[in-house]
């Protein structure tokens, strides 16, 4: 994440000003700091998908119908991407 992105998120959640030197000054209350941390965590979260082998196994499994394979794929994606 770039400094510009961090400043943009901080500006959304904190009281801020600019020092005469040009440096940004941010002041966070507890709730603001929690909101800032949540936004950073959401931004930093990496999506975990399914490999082509996993998809092939699901969709060519004779024991699963197509709808069941889709349901299994959705369940795996949710499990891997829960926070």
C-alpha atoms as a PDB file:
ATOM      1  CA  UNK A   1       0.000   0.000   0.000  1.00  0.00           C
ATOM      2  CA  UNK A   2       1.387   3.384  -0.946  1.00  0.00           C
ATOM      3  CA  UNK A   3       1.734   6.384   1.367  1.00  0.00           C
ATOM      4  CA  UNK A   4      -0.888   8.202  -0.697  1.00  0.00           C
ATOM      5  CA  UNK A   5      -3.362   5.358  -0.149  1.00  0.00           C
ATOM      6  CA  UNK A   6      -2.674   5.367   3.600  1.00  0.00           C
ATOM      7  CA  UNK A   7      -3.186   9.148   3.755  1.00  0.00           C
ATOM      8  CA  UNK A   8      -6.462   8.863   1.849  1.00  0.00           C
ATOM      9  CA  UNK A   9      -7.801   6.215   4.249  1.00  0.00           C
ATOM     10  CA  UNK A  10      -6.577   8.166   7.287  1.00  0.00           C
ATOM     11  CA  UNK A  11      -8.313  11.308   6.032  1.00  0.00           C
ATOM     12  CA  UNK A  12     -11.599   9.358   5.944  1.00  0.00           C
ATOM     13  CA  UNK A  13     -11.311   8.246   9.568  1.00  0.00           C
ATOM     14  CA  UNK A  14      -9.179  10.720  11.533  1.00  0.00           C
ATOM     15  CA  UNK A  15      -9.006  14.361  12.449  1.00  0.00           C
ATOM     16  CA  UNK A  16      -6.035  15.660  10.503  1.00  0.00           C
ATOM     17  CA  UNK A  17      -4.079  18.741   9.652  1.00  0.00           C
ATOM     18  CA  UNK A  18      -0.915  19.757   7.900  1.00  0.00           C
ATOM     19  CA  UNK A  19       2.114  20.917   9.872  1.00  0.00           C
ATOM     20  CA  UNK A  20       3.855  24.066   8.562  1.00  0.00           C
ATOM     21  CA  UNK A  21       6.650  21.736   7.413  1.00  0.00           C
ATOM     22  CA  UNK A  22       4.137  20.051   5.087  1.00  0.00           C
ATOM     23  CA  UNK A  23       3.906  16.865   7.119  1.00  0.00           C
ATOM     24  CA  UNK A  24       0.427  15.436   7.735  1.00  0.00           C
ATOM     25  CA  UNK A  25      -0.674  15.144  11.360  1.00  0.00           C
ATOM     26  CA  UNK A  26      -3.422  12.657  12.211  1.00  0.00           C
ATOM     27  CA  UNK A  27      -5.309  12.438  15.486  1.00  0.00           C
ATOM     28  CA  UNK A  28      -7.327   9.293  16.186  1.00  0.00           C
ATOM     29  CA  UNK A  29      -9.860   8.577  18.891  1.00  0.00           C
ATOM     30  CA  UNK A  30     -10.307   4.893  19.707  1.00  0.00           C
ATOM     31  CA  UNK A  31     -13.307   4.503  17.387  1.00  0.00           C
ATOM     32  CA  UNK A  32     -11.486   6.290  14.583  1.00  0.00           C
ATOM     33  CA  UNK A  33      -8.406   4.144  15.040  1.00  0.00           C
ATOM     34  CA  UNK A  34     -10.539   1.002  14.928  1.00  0.00           C
ATOM     35  CA  UNK A  35     -12.226   2.216  11.739  1.00  0.00           C
ATOM     36  CA  UNK A  36      -8.818   2.995  10.208  1.00  0.00           C
ATOM     37  CA  UNK A  37      -7.485  -0.459  11.124  1.00  0.00           C
ATOM     38  CA  UNK A  38     -10.597  -2.105   9.649  1.00  0.00           C
ATOM     39  CA  UNK A  39     -10.226  -0.221   6.364  1.00  0.00           C
ATOM     40  CA  UNK A  40      -6.541  -1.189   6.138  1.00  0.00           C
ATOM     41  CA  UNK A  41      -7.341  -4.840   6.870  1.00  0.00           C
ATOM     42  CA  UNK A  42     -10.050  -4.872   4.188  1.00  0.00           C
ATOM     43  CA  UNK A  43      -7.659  -3.315   1.696  1.00  0.00           C
ATOM     44  CA  UNK A  44      -4.876  -5.767   2.522  1.00  0.00           C
ATOM     45  CA  UNK A  45      -7.031  -8.912   2.410  1.00  0.00           C
ATOM     46  CA  UNK A  46      -5.974 -11.243  -0.371  1.00  0.00           C
ATOM     47  CA  UNK A  47      -8.665 -13.252  -2.126  1.00  0.00           C
ATOM     48  CA  UNK A  48      -8.027 -17.001  -2.123  1.00  0.00           C
ATOM     49  CA  UNK A  49      -9.608 -18.788  -5.054  1.00  0.00           C
ATOM     50  CA  UNK A  50      -9.756 -22.335  -6.336  1.00  0.00           C
ATOM     51  CA  UNK A  51      -7.145 -23.936  -8.547  1.00  0.00           C
ATOM     52  CA  UNK A  52      -8.107 -25.323 -11.938  1.00  0.00           C
ATOM     53  CA  UNK A  53      -7.430 -28.826 -10.572  1.00  0.00           C
ATOM     54  CA  UNK A  54      -9.862 -28.241  -7.699  1.00  0.00           C
ATOM     55  CA  UNK A  55     -12.528 -26.972 -10.091  1.00  0.00           C
ATOM     56  CA  UNK A  56     -11.978 -29.930 -12.405  1.00  0.00           C
ATOM     57  CA  UNK A  57     -12.286 -32.347  -9.475  1.00  0.00           C
ATOM     58  CA  UNK A  58     -15.558 -30.714  -8.406  1.00  0.00           C
ATOM     59  CA  UNK A  59     -17.207 -30.476 -11.819  1.00  0.00           C
ATOM     60  CA  UNK A  60     -16.150 -33.895 -13.107  1.00  0.00           C
ATOM     61  CA  UNK A  61     -16.980 -35.738  -9.904  1.00  0.00           C
ATOM     62  CA  UNK A  62     -19.624 -38.290 -10.884  1.00  0.00           C
ATOM     63  CA  UNK A  63     -21.026 -38.232  -7.330  1.00  0.00           C
ATOM     64  CA  UNK A  64     -21.921 -34.541  -7.557  1.00  0.00           C
ATOM     65  CA  UNK A  65     -24.434 -32.974  -9.875  1.00  0.00           C
ATOM     66  CA  UNK A  66     -23.612 -29.594 -11.436  1.00  0.00           C
ATOM     67  CA  UNK A  67     -25.612 -27.666  -8.837  1.00  0.00           C
ATOM     68  CA  UNK A  68     -23.925 -29.564  -6.036  1.00  0.00           C
ATOM     69  CA  UNK A  69     -20.492 -28.871  -7.546  1.00  0.00           C
ATOM     70  CA  UNK A  70     -21.278 -25.146  -7.658  1.00  0.00           C
ATOM     71  CA  UNK A  71     -22.451 -25.300  -4.037  1.00  0.00           C
ATOM     72  CA  UNK A  72     -19.233 -27.061  -3.027  1.00  0.00           C
ATOM     73  CA  UNK A  73     -17.146 -24.451  -4.884  1.00  0.00           C
ATOM     74  CA  UNK A  74     -18.986 -21.614  -3.137  1.00  0.00           C
ATOM     75  CA  UNK A  75     -18.541 -23.298   0.257  1.00  0.00           C
ATOM     76  CA  UNK A  76     -14.793 -23.721  -0.329  1.00  0.00           C
ATOM     77  CA  UNK A  77     -14.408 -20.089  -1.377  1.00  0.00           C
ATOM     78  CA  UNK A  78     -16.304 -18.847   1.675  1.00  0.00           C
ATOM     79  CA  UNK A  79     -14.226 -21.050   3.981  1.00  0.00           C
ATOM     80  CA  UNK A  80     -10.932 -19.841   2.531  1.00  0.00           C
ATOM     81  CA  UNK A  81     -11.883 -16.176   2.571  1.00  0.00           C
ATOM     82  CA  UNK A  82     -13.561 -15.839   5.976  1.00  0.00           C
ATOM     83  CA  UNK A  83     -12.018 -13.396   8.381  1.00  0.00           C
END
